[in-house]
Every structure is written in structure tokens, then in C-alpha cells.
Amino acid sequence: MAEGVLEFNSANWDKEVLSSTGITMVDFWAAWCGPCKMLAPTIEELAREYAGRARIGKLNTDENSDVASRYKIMGIPTVIFFKDGKEIDKVVGAVPKSQLKSKLDSLLG
């Protein structure tokens, strides 16, 4: 994983996402997914820009299908925003950085 980007998986999901406080943004992705590869640099930039204000990470849906199915991930990339461990927003598809940034800014208020 790139600097600042957290790696979420089945083993650390409850501790790292559900038990965390504040805003956590999770990119659900897979290695074979073209749009996921297009979104990856954006996720890395946001992780650096929001360091200390929001937790930003990725979860590989192929390796952690149990978590992906729990959140009914039907298409990837899917980015889910959590606040204090609760899902509060979701974006599906390779969206522009500005869209993710505005969501983060509004959640951080």
C-alpha cells in the first residue's frame, strides 16, 4: 500500500473500521479492475491530504469477500464513508477526486 493508505481486511475490519472514531473512507477494489486502478492515485492523494483528519484505506474484495458481501458491494470501485464505525455514505464507480474531496469535507464539517 502507498504511504498513508491503510490496508483493511477481514482480520482487522472490526478494530480498524467499526471500532474507529471519526471519519474512515474505504475503497473496495480488486487487482483485475481497470476503474479501480484509475482511482488508486486519487485514494493515495486523499490519504496524504487528509492525514490526521480522516482514515483512508482500501479493502481487496477478492481477498476479503466476506466483508464485501456484508456491505452488498455489487460493483467496484465502491467507496464507503464511515463515521464512528457506522456507514453514512457510498459512492460507486471511478469518480473524480473533487467528488470524494467534497464528501470528506462535508463529513469533517
Protein backbone atom coordinates (compact mmCIF):
# COMPACT_ATOMS: atom_id res chain seq x y z
CA MET A 1 0.00 0.00 0.00
CA ALA A 2 1.07 3.54 -0.65
CA GLU A 3 2.15 5.84 2.16
CA GLY A 4 -0.77 6.87 4.33
CA VAL A 5 -3.22 4.39 2.77
CA LEU A 6 -4.43 1.86 5.32
CA GLU A 7 -4.93 -1.76 4.34
CA PHE A 8 -8.20 -3.17 5.61
CA ASN A 9 -9.04 -6.88 5.62
CA SER A 10 -11.33 -9.41 7.27
CA ALA A 11 -8.96 -9.80 10.23
CA ASN A 12 -8.67 -6.09 11.12
CA TRP A 13 -12.05 -4.78 9.85
CA ASP A 14 -13.88 -4.60 13.19
CA LYS A 15 -10.95 -2.98 15.00
CA GLU A 16 -9.80 -0.62 12.23
CA VAL A 17 -13.16 0.48 10.79
CA LEU A 18 -16.12 -0.44 13.00
CA SER A 19 -14.42 0.49 16.29
CA SER A 20 -12.72 3.63 14.99
CA THR A 21 -13.83 7.14 15.82
CA GLY A 22 -14.15 9.94 13.30
CA ILE A 23 -14.29 9.56 9.52
CA THR A 24 -12.99 6.48 7.71
CA MET A 25 -13.11 6.20 3.92
CA VAL A 26 -12.78 2.70 2.44
CA ASP A 27 -12.09 1.94 -1.22
CA PHE A 28 -13.41 -1.54 -2.12
CA TRP A 29 -11.30 -2.71 -5.08
CA ALA A 30 -9.76 -5.72 -6.89
CA ALA A 31 -6.49 -6.18 -8.77
CA TRP A 32 -8.22 -7.05 -12.07
CA CYS A 33 -10.49 -3.95 -12.02
CA GLY A 34 -9.48 -1.23 -14.51
CA PRO A 35 -11.55 1.59 -12.96
CA CYS A 36 -10.09 0.63 -9.55
CA LYS A 37 -6.58 1.17 -10.94
CA MET A 38 -7.69 4.56 -12.28
CA LEU A 39 -9.00 5.54 -8.82
CA ALA A 40 -5.92 4.33 -6.88
CA PRO A 41 -3.78 7.50 -7.34
CA THR A 42 -6.74 9.61 -6.14
CA ILE A 43 -7.08 7.48 -3.00
CA GLU A 44 -3.34 7.88 -2.34
CA GLU A 45 -3.52 11.67 -2.78
CA LEU A 46 -6.51 11.95 -0.45
CA ALA A 47 -4.78 9.79 2.19
CA ARG A 48 -1.85 12.25 2.20
CA GLU A 49 -4.07 15.36 2.11
CA TYR A 50 -6.36 14.20 4.93
CA ALA A 51 -3.69 12.60 7.14
CA GLY A 52 -4.60 13.19 10.77
CA ARG A 53 -8.17 14.24 9.89
CA ALA A 54 -9.63 11.13 8.26
CA ARG A 55 -8.56 7.49 7.96
CA ILE A 56 -8.36 6.39 4.33
CA GLY A 57 -7.76 2.85 3.21
CA LYS A 58 -8.50 0.05 0.79
CA LEU A 59 -10.07 -3.39 1.01
CA ASN A 60 -9.41 -6.02 -1.66
CA THR A 61 -12.82 -7.57 -2.40
CA ASP A 62 -11.36 -10.79 -3.86
CA GLU A 63 -9.30 -11.49 -0.73
CA ASN A 64 -12.00 -10.31 1.72
CA SER A 65 -15.28 -11.33 0.09
CA ASP A 66 -16.97 -11.73 3.49
CA VAL A 67 -16.63 -8.00 4.21
CA ALA A 68 -17.59 -7.06 0.65
CA SER A 69 -20.77 -9.14 0.82
CA ARG A 70 -21.65 -7.69 4.26
CA TYR A 71 -21.82 -4.25 2.58
CA LYS A 72 -23.55 -5.60 -0.55
CA ILE A 73 -20.76 -4.49 -2.88
CA MET A 74 -22.15 -5.17 -6.36
CA GLY A 75 -19.72 -3.10 -8.43
CA ILE A 76 -16.20 -1.86 -7.86
CA PRO A 77 -14.70 0.50 -7.18
CA THR A 78 -17.10 1.36 -4.37
CA VAL A 79 -16.05 3.90 -1.75
CA ILE A 80 -17.90 3.78 1.57
CA PHE A 81 -17.66 6.53 4.18
CA PHE A 82 -17.96 5.59 7.85
CA LYS A 83 -18.38 7.89 10.84
CA ASP A 84 -17.61 6.39 14.23
CA GLY A 85 -17.89 2.92 12.69
CA LYS A 86 -21.28 3.46 11.03
CA GLU A 87 -21.77 3.55 7.25
CA ILE A 88 -23.03 7.01 6.32
CA ASP A 89 -22.40 7.38 2.58
CA LYS A 90 -21.39 5.43 -0.51
CA VAL A 91 -20.06 6.25 -3.98
CA VAL A 92 -19.92 3.65 -6.76
CA GLY A 93 -17.58 3.92 -9.73
CA ALA A 94 -14.38 5.74 -10.61
CA VAL A 95 -15.47 9.25 -9.64
CA PRO A 96 -13.42 12.46 -9.86
CA LYS A 97 -11.22 13.41 -6.92
CA SER A 98 -13.33 16.56 -6.40
CA GLN A 99 -16.39 14.42 -5.64
CA LEU A 100 -14.61 12.38 -2.94
CA LYS A 101 -12.98 15.52 -1.57
CA SER A 102 -16.30 17.34 -1.22
CA LYS A 103 -17.81 14.33 0.59
CA LEU A 104 -14.87 14.23 3.01
CA ASP A 105 -15.02 17.99 3.57
CA SER A 106 -18.75 17.92 4.31
CA LEU A 107 -18.35 14.97 6.71
CA LEU A 108 -15.47 16.64 8.51
CA GLY A 109 -17.61 19.79 8.64
